[in-house]
Amino acid sequence: MTKAIIVSGTTYSTPSDYTDSGALLEAIGAGGNGYVGASSVPGGGGGGGEYRKASSLGLSASTSYDIHIPDGGDGSSADGSWFENGSGTKIVDAKNGGNATDQNGAGGGTGGTGALANYDGGAGGTGNTSGDRSSAGGGGSAGPSGAGKNGGNGGSGSSHGGGGGGGSNGPSASDGADAGSSLGA
């Protein structure tokens, strides 16, 4: 079986020996941007991208199909990672994580297409608005083994840095540590 990893472009052509039987298509949406904090407003973390997987694709050999590969930070209002069949229907569509717009963390990517597997991206953490106002960690992206974890929250103490980023790809990953704590959840 041929495996292709597509990281750029607007079309993909199936190989001449392609067969739809047993073919799988996987996609991960882009992660969102964190907010650039200031002295009065700490930065919230961006959300992680969603993971989707589909089978029974209905594709043909030696045929060109439309695809979309988003840039990191495109945000949840932009197109995620998708692959269309010859009729223009998205057979897999993994949504992007949101961009944080203030101290509140953005949501992870969710709600795409591809029923064989669907795992949401982790939410960004919340920046702390009291004390020294530290920023938050970003949400982890989802992957084939599970959902992305949430980013850690900002801490309020004078010696605390920002929250940790959420773990990616499933059950063994953990939420990002809150600033000032020693471990993630």
Protein backbone atom coordinates (compact mmCIF):
# COMPACT_ATOMS: atom_id res chain seq x y z
CA MET A 1 0.00 0.00 0.00
CA THR A 2 1.26 3.46 -0.92
CA LYS A 3 1.37 6.12 1.79
CA ALA A 4 1.45 9.82 0.93
CA ILE A 5 1.98 12.65 3.40
CA ILE A 6 0.76 15.92 1.93
CA VAL A 7 2.02 19.12 3.56
CA SER A 8 1.43 21.72 0.83
CA GLY A 9 -0.37 22.34 -2.42
CA THR A 10 -3.95 22.72 -3.63
CA THR A 11 -4.39 19.43 -5.52
CA TYR A 12 -3.40 15.81 -5.06
CA SER A 13 -3.25 13.21 -7.85
CA THR A 14 -3.81 9.58 -6.95
CA PRO A 15 -1.21 7.16 -8.30
CA SER A 16 -1.98 4.97 -11.32
CA ASP A 17 -2.12 1.84 -9.12
CA TYR A 18 -4.51 3.38 -6.55
CA THR A 19 -7.36 1.17 -5.30
CA ASP A 20 -10.08 2.48 -3.02
CA SER A 21 -10.34 -0.80 -1.12
CA GLY A 22 -8.69 -0.33 2.26
CA ALA A 23 -7.67 3.27 1.53
CA LEU A 24 -7.68 5.70 4.46
CA LEU A 25 -7.43 9.46 4.57
CA GLU A 26 -6.29 11.36 7.67
CA ALA A 27 -6.06 15.10 8.36
CA ILE A 28 -5.09 17.45 11.20
CA GLY A 29 -6.26 21.06 11.36
CA ALA A 30 -3.86 23.91 12.04
CA GLY A 31 -3.20 25.17 15.55
CA GLY A 32 -4.33 28.67 16.50
CA ASN A 33 -2.23 31.64 17.57
CA GLY A 34 -1.87 32.69 21.18
CA TYR A 35 -2.68 36.29 22.07
CA VAL A 36 0.30 38.62 22.39
CA GLY A 37 -0.08 39.79 25.96
CA ALA A 38 0.61 43.27 27.27
CA SER A 39 1.13 44.74 30.75
CA SER A 40 -2.62 44.99 31.35
CA VAL A 41 -3.84 41.88 29.49
CA PRO A 42 -1.94 38.56 29.54
CA GLY A 43 -2.05 36.30 26.52
CA GLY A 44 -4.49 33.42 26.21
CA GLY A 45 -3.33 30.23 24.47
CA GLY A 46 -4.35 29.22 20.95
CA GLY A 47 -6.41 26.07 20.37
CA GLY A 48 -5.01 22.83 18.94
CA GLY A 49 -6.08 21.38 15.58
CA GLU A 50 -8.68 18.62 15.20
CA TYR A 51 -7.88 15.11 13.82
CA ARG A 52 -10.19 13.31 11.35
CA LYS A 53 -9.98 10.02 9.50
CA ALA A 54 -12.15 8.58 6.71
CA SER A 55 -12.47 5.38 4.67
CA SER A 56 -14.66 4.32 1.71
CA LEU A 57 -13.38 7.38 -0.09
CA GLY A 58 -14.81 6.78 -3.57
CA LEU A 59 -11.63 7.96 -5.33
CA SER A 60 -10.21 6.75 -8.64
CA ALA A 61 -6.69 6.07 -9.88
CA SER A 62 -4.79 8.75 -11.85
CA THR A 63 -7.21 11.50 -10.87
CA SER A 64 -6.55 14.97 -9.46
CA TYR A 65 -8.50 16.09 -6.37
CA ASP A 66 -8.77 19.45 -4.60
CA ILE A 67 -7.15 19.73 -1.16
CA HIS A 68 -6.53 22.47 1.39
CA ILE A 69 -3.58 22.65 3.78
CA PRO A 70 -4.00 25.56 6.25
CA ASP A 71 -1.22 27.63 7.73
CA GLY A 72 -0.69 27.57 11.49
CA GLY A 73 -2.57 30.46 13.06
CA ASP A 74 -5.28 30.62 10.37
CA GLY A 75 -7.85 30.28 13.17
CA SER A 76 -11.17 28.48 13.46
CA SER A 77 -13.00 30.78 11.05
CA ALA A 78 -10.70 29.71 8.18
CA ASP A 79 -10.81 26.43 6.24
CA GLY A 80 -9.08 23.55 7.99
CA SER A 81 -7.30 20.60 6.33
CA TRP A 82 -9.64 19.04 3.79
CA PHE A 83 -9.77 16.69 0.80
CA GLU A 84 -12.65 16.78 -1.71
CA ASN A 85 -13.92 13.99 -3.92
CA GLY A 86 -14.59 14.57 -7.63
CA SER A 87 -18.05 16.02 -6.85
CA GLY A 88 -16.70 18.76 -4.57
CA THR A 89 -17.83 17.06 -1.36
CA LYS A 90 -15.34 17.15 1.52
CA ILE A 91 -14.67 13.51 2.45
CA VAL A 92 -12.36 14.53 5.28
CA ASP A 93 -12.23 17.96 6.95
CA ALA A 94 -10.22 18.61 10.12
CA LYS A 95 -11.01 21.97 11.71
CA ASN A 96 -8.40 24.46 12.90
CA GLY A 97 -7.90 25.54 16.49
CA GLY A 98 -9.03 29.05 17.34
CA ASN A 99 -6.85 32.14 17.73
CA ALA A 100 -6.88 33.73 21.19
CA THR A 101 -8.02 37.38 21.08
CA ASP A 102 -7.42 38.36 24.73
CA GLN A 103 -6.51 36.61 28.00
CA ASN A 104 -9.06 33.85 27.40
CA GLY A 105 -7.85 30.67 25.74
CA ALA A 106 -9.27 29.76 22.32
CA GLY A 107 -11.16 26.55 21.65
CA GLY A 108 -9.64 23.53 19.98
CA GLY A 109 -10.68 22.45 16.49
CA THR A 110 -13.93 20.47 16.42
CA GLY A 111 -16.90 19.62 14.17
CA GLY A 112 -15.18 18.39 11.01
CA THR A 113 -15.96 15.51 8.63
CA GLY A 114 -14.54 11.98 8.67
CA ALA A 115 -16.40 9.47 10.79
CA LEU A 116 -13.80 6.71 11.11
CA ALA A 117 -11.99 8.73 13.81
CA ASN A 118 -12.59 12.20 15.18
CA TYR A 119 -10.63 13.74 18.01
CA ASP A 120 -10.86 17.38 19.07
CA GLY A 121 -7.91 19.69 19.58
CA GLY A 122 -7.16 20.92 23.10
CA ALA A 123 -8.27 24.36 24.27
CA GLY A 124 -5.74 27.08 25.00
CA GLY A 125 -5.21 28.03 28.63
CA THR A 126 -6.29 31.33 30.20
CA GLY A 127 -3.79 34.06 31.03
CA ASN A 128 -3.83 35.22 34.65
CA THR A 129 -5.14 38.78 35.11
CA SER A 130 -4.01 39.24 38.71
CA GLY A 131 -0.52 39.67 40.12
CA ASP A 132 2.16 39.66 37.46
CA ARG A 133 -0.16 38.59 34.62
CA SER A 134 1.52 35.61 33.02
CA SER A 135 0.31 34.19 29.73
CA ALA A 136 -1.09 30.74 29.04
CA GLY A 137 -0.01 27.66 27.09
CA GLY A 138 -1.54 26.57 23.80
CA GLY A 139 -3.79 23.54 23.36
CA GLY A 140 -2.29 20.35 21.94
CA SER A 141 -3.28 19.05 18.53
CA ALA A 142 -5.28 15.87 18.23
CA GLY A 143 -3.84 12.84 16.46
CA PRO A 144 -4.56 9.21 15.57
CA SER A 145 -4.35 8.12 19.22
CA GLY A 146 -6.69 10.70 20.72
CA ALA A 147 -7.66 14.24 21.55
CA GLY A 148 -5.25 17.10 22.18
CA LYS A 149 -4.93 18.24 25.78
CA ASN A 150 -5.63 21.70 27.15
CA GLY A 151 -2.94 24.32 27.61
CA GLY A 152 -1.94 25.36 31.14
CA ASN A 153 -3.18 28.60 32.68
CA GLY A 154 -0.97 31.58 33.49
CA GLY A 155 0.16 32.01 37.11
CA SER A 156 -0.14 35.01 39.40
CA GLY A 157 3.13 34.91 41.31
CA SER A 158 6.10 37.15 40.54
CA SER A 159 8.34 34.20 39.69
CA HIS A 160 5.89 32.31 37.50
CA GLY A 161 6.32 32.02 33.77
CA GLY A 162 3.54 31.17 31.36
CA GLY A 163 1.44 28.01 31.40
CA GLY A 164 2.68 24.89 29.64
CA GLY A 165 1.40 23.76 26.25
CA GLY A 166 -1.05 20.86 26.12
CA GLY A 167 0.12 17.42 25.09
CA SER A 168 -0.73 16.09 21.65
CA ASN A 169 -2.24 12.90 20.27
CA GLY A 170 -4.13 11.14 22.93
CA PRO A 171 -4.38 9.11 26.05
CA SER A 172 -0.81 9.28 27.34
CA ALA A 173 -0.58 13.07 26.87
CA SER A 174 -1.42 15.47 29.70
CA ASP A 175 -2.82 18.96 30.06
CA GLY A 176 -0.21 21.71 30.20
CA ALA A 177 0.94 22.63 33.69
CA ASP A 178 -0.45 25.84 35.16
CA ALA A 179 2.26 28.40 35.80
CA GLY A 180 3.59 27.91 39.33
CA SER A 181 2.61 24.21 39.51
CA SER A 182 5.00 21.32 39.14
CA LEU A 183 2.98 18.96 36.93
CA GLY A 184 0.19 18.92 34.36
CA ALA A 185 -3.24 17.46 35.20
